[in-house]
Amino acid sequence: MAFNYHRDLQAWVVPLLLVGFFAYLMSHSFLSVFEVTAHAIFLCFAIDMETNDGTAEKPYFVDQELLTFVSQSNKLTEGQKHRSTRPFQDNEDGTELQLMV
């Protein structure tokens, strides 16, 4: 509105900075709430895994999709750990393989 009524006003930097600041403030607030929610869900998941064992007497209360996701990601990280150590193993003679020059 200030630009419509005052054509001689050329200070476009101040409104731009204000809009940028409020956009940052709103996005930071939203992501902070999202972060706290994600942490609470994973904390509840960890407590459920610690206190319950999945039997009929003590069933898991966690959602099955979250449980399968975590188990699949655990399998993936275990496979990456296994693959990352494999190239550094010694050969049959007990000597380290060397590059041919």
N, C-alpha and C. Protein backbone atom coordinates (compact mmCIF):
# COMPACT_ATOMS: atom_id res chain seq x y z
N MET A 1 0.83 -1.19 0.00
CA MET A 1 0.00 0.00 0.00
C MET A 1 0.87 1.25 0.00
N ALA A 2 2.00 1.20 0.66
CA ALA A 2 2.88 2.36 0.70
C ALA A 2 3.39 2.71 -0.68
N PHE A 3 3.65 1.71 -1.52
CA PHE A 3 4.13 1.97 -2.87
C PHE A 3 3.04 2.53 -3.77
N ASN A 4 1.78 2.15 -3.53
CA ASN A 4 0.68 2.66 -4.34
C ASN A 4 0.40 4.13 -4.06
N TYR A 5 0.50 4.55 -2.81
CA TYR A 5 0.17 5.93 -2.47
C TYR A 5 1.36 6.88 -2.56
N HIS A 6 2.54 6.36 -2.42
CA HIS A 6 3.74 7.20 -2.46
C HIS A 6 4.65 6.69 -3.58
N ARG A 7 4.47 7.25 -4.75
CA ARG A 7 5.25 6.81 -5.90
C ARG A 7 6.73 7.18 -5.77
N ASP A 8 7.03 8.18 -4.98
CA ASP A 8 8.42 8.59 -4.84
C ASP A 8 9.18 7.70 -3.84
N LEU A 9 8.48 6.80 -3.15
CA LEU A 9 9.11 5.90 -2.20
C LEU A 9 9.86 4.81 -2.95
N GLN A 10 11.16 4.73 -2.75
CA GLN A 10 11.97 3.76 -3.48
C GLN A 10 12.64 2.76 -2.55
N ALA A 11 12.27 2.73 -1.30
CA ALA A 11 12.90 1.83 -0.34
C ALA A 11 12.23 0.46 -0.40
N TRP A 12 12.63 -0.36 -1.35
CA TRP A 12 12.04 -1.68 -1.51
C TRP A 12 12.78 -2.73 -0.68
N VAL A 13 13.92 -2.36 -0.15
CA VAL A 13 14.72 -3.33 0.61
C VAL A 13 14.07 -3.64 1.96
N VAL A 14 13.53 -2.65 2.62
CA VAL A 14 12.97 -2.84 3.96
C VAL A 14 11.77 -3.80 3.92
N PRO A 15 10.79 -3.63 3.03
CA PRO A 15 9.69 -4.61 2.98
C PRO A 15 10.17 -6.01 2.60
N LEU A 16 11.13 -6.07 1.72
CA LEU A 16 11.67 -7.37 1.33
C LEU A 16 12.33 -8.06 2.51
N LEU A 17 13.11 -7.34 3.28
CA LEU A 17 13.74 -7.92 4.46
C LEU A 17 12.72 -8.32 5.51
N LEU A 18 11.66 -7.52 5.68
CA LEU A 18 10.61 -7.88 6.63
C LEU A 18 9.89 -9.16 6.21
N VAL A 19 9.57 -9.27 4.96
CA VAL A 19 8.91 -10.49 4.46
C VAL A 19 9.83 -11.68 4.62
N GLY A 20 11.10 -11.52 4.30
CA GLY A 20 12.06 -12.61 4.47
C GLY A 20 12.21 -13.02 5.93
N PHE A 21 12.25 -12.05 6.83
CA PHE A 21 12.37 -12.36 8.25
C PHE A 21 11.15 -13.11 8.76
N PHE A 22 9.95 -12.66 8.40
CA PHE A 22 8.74 -13.34 8.86
C PHE A 22 8.60 -14.72 8.22
N ALA A 23 9.03 -14.87 6.99
CA ALA A 23 9.00 -16.20 6.36
C ALA A 23 9.95 -17.15 7.07
N TYR A 24 11.14 -16.65 7.42
CA TYR A 24 12.09 -17.47 8.18
C TYR A 24 11.52 -17.83 9.54
N LEU A 25 10.89 -16.89 10.21
CA LEU A 25 10.32 -17.13 11.53
C LEU A 25 9.22 -18.18 11.47
N MET A 26 8.35 -18.10 10.49
CA MET A 26 7.27 -19.07 10.35
C MET A 26 7.80 -20.46 10.01
N SER A 27 8.76 -20.53 9.08
CA SER A 27 9.29 -21.84 8.71
C SER A 27 10.08 -22.45 9.86
N HIS A 28 10.80 -21.65 10.61
CA HIS A 28 11.54 -22.15 11.77
C HIS A 28 10.57 -22.68 12.82
N SER A 29 9.48 -21.98 13.05
CA SER A 29 8.48 -22.43 14.02
C SER A 29 7.85 -23.74 13.59
N PHE A 30 7.50 -23.85 12.32
CA PHE A 30 6.89 -25.08 11.82
C PHE A 30 7.85 -26.25 11.94
N LEU A 31 9.10 -26.06 11.54
CA LEU A 31 10.07 -27.15 11.58
C LEU A 31 10.44 -27.53 13.01
N SER A 32 10.39 -26.57 13.93
CA SER A 32 10.64 -26.90 15.33
C SER A 32 9.55 -27.80 15.89
N VAL A 33 8.31 -27.52 15.56
CA VAL A 33 7.20 -28.37 16.00
C VAL A 33 7.33 -29.75 15.36
N PHE A 34 7.68 -29.80 14.09
CA PHE A 34 7.86 -31.08 13.40
C PHE A 34 8.99 -31.88 14.03
N GLU A 35 10.08 -31.22 14.40
CA GLU A 35 11.23 -31.90 15.02
C GLU A 35 10.86 -32.49 16.38
N VAL A 36 10.16 -31.73 17.18
CA VAL A 36 9.75 -32.21 18.49
C VAL A 36 8.80 -33.40 18.35
N THR A 37 7.91 -33.34 17.39
CA THR A 37 6.98 -34.45 17.15
C THR A 37 7.71 -35.71 16.72
N ALA A 38 8.66 -35.58 15.81
CA ALA A 38 9.43 -36.74 15.35
C ALA A 38 10.24 -37.33 16.49
N HIS A 39 10.85 -36.49 17.31
CA HIS A 39 11.62 -36.99 18.45
C HIS A 39 10.72 -37.72 19.44
N ALA A 40 9.53 -37.20 19.69
CA ALA A 40 8.60 -37.85 20.62
C ALA A 40 8.16 -39.21 20.09
N ILE A 41 7.91 -39.31 18.78
CA ILE A 41 7.50 -40.59 18.19
C ILE A 41 8.61 -41.62 18.32
N PHE A 42 9.86 -41.23 18.03
CA PHE A 42 10.96 -42.19 18.12
C PHE A 42 11.28 -42.53 19.57
N LEU A 43 11.08 -41.61 20.49
CA LEU A 43 11.27 -41.92 21.90
C LEU A 43 10.22 -42.92 22.37
N CYS A 44 8.99 -42.73 21.98
CA CYS A 44 7.93 -43.70 22.32
C CYS A 44 8.22 -45.05 21.69
N PHE A 45 8.75 -45.06 20.47
CA PHE A 45 9.12 -46.31 19.81
C PHE A 45 10.21 -47.03 20.59
N ALA A 46 11.22 -46.29 21.04
CA ALA A 46 12.32 -46.90 21.78
C ALA A 46 11.85 -47.46 23.12
N ILE A 47 10.98 -46.74 23.80
CA ILE A 47 10.46 -47.23 25.08
C ILE A 47 9.58 -48.45 24.87
N ASP A 48 8.80 -48.48 23.79
CA ASP A 48 7.97 -49.63 23.49
C ASP A 48 8.83 -50.85 23.19
N MET A 49 9.92 -50.68 22.45
CA MET A 49 10.80 -51.80 22.14
C MET A 49 11.52 -52.29 23.41
N GLU A 50 11.80 -51.38 24.32
CA GLU A 50 12.51 -51.75 25.55
C GLU A 50 11.61 -52.48 26.54
N THR A 51 10.37 -52.05 26.67
CA THR A 51 9.49 -52.63 27.70
C THR A 51 8.68 -53.81 27.21
N ASN A 52 8.39 -53.92 25.93
CA ASN A 52 7.58 -55.01 25.40
C ASN A 52 8.44 -55.91 24.53
N ASP A 53 8.01 -57.18 24.44
CA ASP A 53 8.77 -58.12 23.64
C ASP A 53 8.00 -58.69 22.46
N GLY A 54 6.79 -58.27 22.23
CA GLY A 54 6.02 -58.71 21.08
C GLY A 54 5.22 -59.98 21.29
N THR A 55 5.23 -60.54 22.49
CA THR A 55 4.45 -61.74 22.77
C THR A 55 3.00 -61.34 23.04
N ALA A 56 2.16 -62.35 23.28
CA ALA A 56 0.74 -62.08 23.54
C ALA A 56 0.56 -61.37 24.88
N GLU A 57 1.43 -61.64 25.84
CA GLU A 57 1.31 -60.99 27.15
C GLU A 57 1.79 -59.54 27.09
N LYS A 58 2.85 -59.27 26.30
CA LYS A 58 3.41 -57.92 26.20
C LYS A 58 3.56 -57.55 24.73
N PRO A 59 2.45 -57.22 24.06
CA PRO A 59 2.56 -56.91 22.62
C PRO A 59 3.15 -55.52 22.38
N TYR A 60 3.68 -55.35 21.19
CA TYR A 60 4.17 -54.04 20.79
C TYR A 60 2.98 -53.13 20.52
N PHE A 61 3.09 -51.88 20.89
CA PHE A 61 2.05 -50.90 20.62
C PHE A 61 2.40 -50.02 19.42
N VAL A 62 3.57 -50.24 18.86
CA VAL A 62 4.04 -49.43 17.74
C VAL A 62 3.30 -49.84 16.47
N ASP A 63 3.17 -48.91 15.55
CA ASP A 63 2.55 -49.18 14.27
C ASP A 63 3.42 -50.16 13.49
N GLN A 64 2.79 -51.10 12.81
CA GLN A 64 3.54 -52.14 12.08
C GLN A 64 4.38 -51.56 10.95
N GLU A 65 3.90 -50.50 10.31
CA GLU A 65 4.68 -49.89 9.22
C GLU A 65 5.97 -49.28 9.75
N LEU A 66 5.91 -48.64 10.92
CA LEU A 66 7.12 -48.07 11.53
C LEU A 66 8.07 -49.18 11.95
N LEU A 67 7.53 -50.27 12.47
CA LEU A 67 8.36 -51.40 12.89
C LEU A 67 9.07 -52.03 11.69
N THR A 68 8.37 -52.22 10.58
CA THR A 68 9.01 -52.80 9.39
C THR A 68 10.02 -51.82 8.80
N PHE A 69 9.73 -50.53 8.83
CA PHE A 69 10.68 -49.54 8.32
C PHE A 69 11.98 -49.56 9.12
N VAL A 70 11.87 -49.59 10.44
CA VAL A 70 13.06 -49.60 11.28
C VAL A 70 13.84 -50.90 11.10
N SER A 71 13.14 -52.03 11.00
CA SER A 71 13.86 -53.30 10.82
C SER A 71 14.54 -53.34 9.45
N GLN A 72 13.91 -52.81 8.40
CA GLN A 72 14.54 -52.78 7.09
C GLN A 72 15.74 -51.83 7.07
N SER A 73 15.64 -50.70 7.76
CA SER A 73 16.77 -49.79 7.79
C SER A 73 17.91 -50.37 8.62
N ASN A 74 17.60 -51.16 9.65
CA ASN A 74 18.65 -51.85 10.41
C ASN A 74 19.36 -52.87 9.54
N LYS A 75 18.60 -53.61 8.73
CA LYS A 75 19.22 -54.58 7.83
C LYS A 75 20.10 -53.88 6.80
N LEU A 76 19.66 -52.73 6.32
CA LEU A 76 20.44 -51.97 5.34
C LEU A 76 21.74 -51.47 5.94
N THR A 77 21.70 -50.94 7.15
CA THR A 77 22.93 -50.45 7.78
C THR A 77 23.86 -51.60 8.13
N GLU A 78 23.32 -52.74 8.52
CA GLU A 78 24.17 -53.90 8.80
C GLU A 78 24.86 -54.36 7.52
N GLY A 79 24.15 -54.34 6.40
CA GLY A 79 24.76 -54.71 5.12
C GLY A 79 25.84 -53.73 4.70
N GLN A 80 25.64 -52.45 4.95
CA GLN A 80 26.65 -51.45 4.61
C GLN A 80 27.88 -51.60 5.49
N LYS A 81 27.70 -51.92 6.76
CA LYS A 81 28.85 -52.14 7.64
C LYS A 81 29.64 -53.37 7.17
N HIS A 82 28.92 -54.41 6.79
CA HIS A 82 29.58 -55.63 6.34
C HIS A 82 30.33 -55.39 5.03
N ARG A 83 29.73 -54.64 4.13
CA ARG A 83 30.39 -54.33 2.85
C ARG A 83 31.58 -53.41 3.02
N SER A 84 31.50 -52.49 3.96
CA SER A 84 32.59 -51.53 4.11
C SER A 84 33.83 -52.18 4.71
N THR A 85 33.69 -53.25 5.49
CA THR A 85 34.85 -53.92 6.06
C THR A 85 35.42 -54.98 5.14
N ARG A 86 34.66 -55.46 4.20
CA ARG A 86 35.10 -56.55 3.34
C ARG A 86 36.31 -56.20 2.46
N PRO A 87 36.41 -55.04 1.80
CA PRO A 87 37.56 -54.79 0.93
C PRO A 87 38.88 -54.67 1.68
N PHE A 88 38.85 -54.45 2.98
CA PHE A 88 40.09 -54.27 3.72
C PHE A 88 40.59 -55.56 4.36
N GLN A 89 39.91 -56.69 4.07
CA GLN A 89 40.34 -57.95 4.65
C GLN A 89 41.59 -58.46 3.96
N ASP A 90 42.37 -59.27 4.68
CA ASP A 90 43.57 -59.86 4.11
C ASP A 90 43.20 -61.01 3.19
N ASN A 91 44.13 -61.36 2.30
CA ASN A 91 43.88 -62.51 1.43
C ASN A 91 44.24 -63.79 2.16
N GLU A 92 44.28 -64.93 1.44
CA GLU A 92 44.49 -66.24 2.07
C GLU A 92 45.85 -66.36 2.75
N ASP A 93 46.89 -65.73 2.22
CA ASP A 93 48.23 -65.86 2.77
C ASP A 93 48.44 -65.00 4.01
N GLY A 94 47.48 -64.15 4.36
CA GLY A 94 47.64 -63.29 5.50
C GLY A 94 48.34 -61.99 5.17
N THR A 95 48.60 -61.74 3.89
CA THR A 95 49.24 -60.49 3.50
C THR A 95 48.21 -59.58 2.88
N GLU A 96 48.47 -58.31 2.99
CA GLU A 96 47.55 -57.33 2.45
C GLU A 96 47.78 -57.21 0.95
N LEU A 97 46.69 -57.09 0.20
CA LEU A 97 46.82 -56.93 -1.25
C LEU A 97 47.39 -55.54 -1.56
N GLN A 98 48.30 -55.48 -2.49
CA GLN A 98 48.94 -54.23 -2.87
C GLN A 98 48.59 -53.88 -4.30
N LEU A 99 48.65 -52.60 -4.62
CA LEU A 99 48.40 -52.14 -5.98
C LEU A 99 49.57 -52.53 -6.87
N MET A 100 49.27 -52.89 -8.10
CA MET A 100 50.33 -53.16 -9.08
C MET A 100 50.68 -51.87 -9.77
N VAL A 101 51.96 -51.57 -9.86
CA VAL A 101 52.40 -50.33 -10.47
C VAL A 101 53.03 -50.60 -11.81
